[in-house]
C-alpha cells in the first residue's frame, strides 16, 4: 500500500520515458467525468433546463477536476 501512495504522491507520472504532469491526468479525468454527466443529462432530457450547455460543461470540468485534484492531491 505504501508503494502505491508514493507513486501517486509525485508531481508527475512516468509513462515509459515521458513525464506527464499530474494536472494533465486530473484534467483528463475531470473532462471524462463531466462528459459522462452531460451525456446522462442529454439522455434523460435534463439538459433542456440548462441555459448554455457548453458553459455548463466547462464549469463541470473545472469543478470535477478540482474535486479530483483535492482528493488525490500530490
C-alpha atoms as a PDB file:
ATOM      1  CA  UNK A   1       0.000   0.000   0.000  1.00  0.00           C
ATOM      2  CA  UNK A   2       2.874   2.389   0.729  1.00  0.00           C
ATOM      3  CA  UNK A   3       4.329   1.808  -2.716  1.00  0.00           C
ATOM      4  CA  UNK A   4       1.074   2.953  -4.320  1.00  0.00           C
ATOM      5  CA  UNK A   5       0.915   6.026  -2.074  1.00  0.00           C
ATOM      6  CA  UNK A   6       4.460   7.003  -3.048  1.00  0.00           C
ATOM      7  CA  UNK A   7       3.646   6.557  -6.734  1.00  0.00           C
ATOM      8  CA  UNK A   8       0.536   8.759  -6.545  1.00  0.00           C
ATOM      9  CA  UNK A   9       2.214  11.469  -4.457  1.00  0.00           C
ATOM     10  CA  UNK A  10       4.632  12.563  -7.178  1.00  0.00           C
ATOM     11  CA  UNK A  11       4.068  15.804  -9.145  1.00  0.00           C
ATOM     12  CA  UNK A  12       4.429  13.937 -12.420  1.00  0.00           C
ATOM     13  CA  UNK A  13       3.832  10.415 -13.633  1.00  0.00           C
ATOM     14  CA  UNK A  14       6.164   8.455 -15.864  1.00  0.00           C
ATOM     15  CA  UNK A  15       4.856   6.721 -18.960  1.00  0.00           C
ATOM     16  CA  UNK A  16       7.873   4.957 -20.347  1.00  0.00           C
ATOM     17  CA  UNK A  17      10.411   7.750 -20.813  1.00  0.00           C
ATOM     18  CA  UNK A  18       7.847  10.562 -20.860  1.00  0.00           C
ATOM     19  CA  UNK A  19       6.940  12.593 -17.770  1.00  0.00           C
ATOM     20  CA  UNK A  20       3.265  13.578 -17.668  1.00  0.00           C
ATOM     21  CA  UNK A  21       2.257  16.388 -15.267  1.00  0.00           C
ATOM     22  CA  UNK A  22      -0.284  15.446 -12.622  1.00  0.00           C
ATOM     23  CA  UNK A  23      -2.534  18.332 -13.727  1.00  0.00           C
ATOM     24  CA  UNK A  24      -2.985  16.710 -17.140  1.00  0.00           C
ATOM     25  CA  UNK A  25      -4.095  13.438 -15.557  1.00  0.00           C
ATOM     26  CA  UNK A  26      -6.524  15.183 -13.192  1.00  0.00           C
ATOM     27  CA  UNK A  27      -7.854  17.378 -16.005  1.00  0.00           C
ATOM     28  CA  UNK A  28      -8.426  14.358 -18.225  1.00  0.00           C
ATOM     29  CA  UNK A  29     -10.391  12.549 -15.539  1.00  0.00           C
ATOM     30  CA  UNK A  30     -12.387  15.719 -14.838  1.00  0.00           C
ATOM     31  CA  UNK A  31     -13.161  16.104 -18.544  1.00  0.00           C
ATOM     32  CA  UNK A  32     -14.299  12.489 -18.863  1.00  0.00           C
ATOM     33  CA  UNK A  33     -16.457  12.721 -15.735  1.00  0.00           C
ATOM     34  CA  UNK A  34     -18.095  15.940 -16.981  1.00  0.00           C
ATOM     35  CA  UNK A  35     -18.667  14.356 -20.376  1.00  0.00           C
ATOM     36  CA  UNK A  36     -20.389  11.419 -18.688  1.00  0.00           C
ATOM     37  CA  UNK A  37     -22.611  13.746 -16.616  1.00  0.00           C
ATOM     38  CA  UNK A  38     -23.635  15.777 -19.681  1.00  0.00           C
ATOM     39  CA  UNK A  39     -24.284  12.597 -21.689  1.00  0.00           C
ATOM     40  CA  UNK A  40     -26.575  11.303 -18.930  1.00  0.00           C
ATOM     41  CA  UNK A  41     -28.316  14.683 -18.822  1.00  0.00           C
ATOM     42  CA  UNK A  42     -28.818  14.587 -22.594  1.00  0.00           C
ATOM     43  CA  UNK A  43     -30.164  11.030 -22.427  1.00  0.00           C
ATOM     44  CA  UNK A  44     -32.666  11.791 -19.661  1.00  0.00           C
ATOM     45  CA  UNK A  45     -33.738  15.179 -21.054  1.00  0.00           C
ATOM     46  CA  UNK A  46     -32.425  17.224 -18.125  1.00  0.00           C
ATOM     47  CA  UNK A  47     -30.230  19.335 -20.388  1.00  0.00           C
ATOM     48  CA  UNK A  48     -33.229  21.376 -21.533  1.00  0.00           C
ATOM     49  CA  UNK A  49     -33.190  23.094 -18.122  1.00  0.00           C
ATOM     50  CA  UNK A  50     -29.617  24.318 -18.658  1.00  0.00           C
ATOM     51  CA  UNK A  51     -29.401  27.715 -20.335  1.00  0.00           C
ATOM     52  CA  UNK A  52     -25.983  27.366 -22.026  1.00  0.00           C
ATOM     53  CA  UNK A  53     -24.837  23.749 -22.213  1.00  0.00           C
ATOM     54  CA  UNK A  54     -21.202  24.377 -23.334  1.00  0.00           C
ATOM     55  CA  UNK A  55     -20.699  26.832 -20.479  1.00  0.00           C
ATOM     56  CA  UNK A  56     -22.249  24.337 -18.061  1.00  0.00           C
ATOM     57  CA  UNK A  57     -19.904  21.654 -19.417  1.00  0.00           C
ATOM     58  CA  UNK A  58     -16.872  23.885 -18.887  1.00  0.00           C
ATOM     59  CA  UNK A  59     -17.982  24.659 -15.336  1.00  0.00           C
ATOM     60  CA  UNK A  60     -18.412  20.928 -14.662  1.00  0.00           C
ATOM     61  CA  UNK A  61     -14.916  20.207 -15.990  1.00  0.00           C
ATOM     62  CA  UNK A  62     -13.416  22.808 -13.659  1.00  0.00           C
ATOM     63  CA  UNK A  63     -15.493  21.655 -10.686  1.00  0.00           C
ATOM     64  CA  UNK A  64     -14.845  17.940 -11.125  1.00  0.00           C
ATOM     65  CA  UNK A  65     -11.146  18.443 -11.887  1.00  0.00           C
ATOM     66  CA  UNK A  66     -10.819  20.488  -8.714  1.00  0.00           C
ATOM     67  CA  UNK A  67     -12.598  17.851  -6.657  1.00  0.00           C
ATOM     68  CA  UNK A  68     -10.498  15.031  -8.093  1.00  0.00           C
ATOM     69  CA  UNK A  69      -7.348  17.101  -7.555  1.00  0.00           C
ATOM     70  CA  UNK A  70      -8.264  17.773  -3.921  1.00  0.00           C
ATOM     71  CA  UNK A  71      -8.918  14.095  -3.231  1.00  0.00           C
ATOM     72  CA  UNK A  72      -5.737  12.835  -4.911  1.00  0.00           C
ATOM     73  CA  UNK A  73      -3.500  15.805  -4.115  1.00  0.00           C
ATOM     74  CA  UNK A  74       0.175  15.096  -4.927  1.00  0.00           C
END
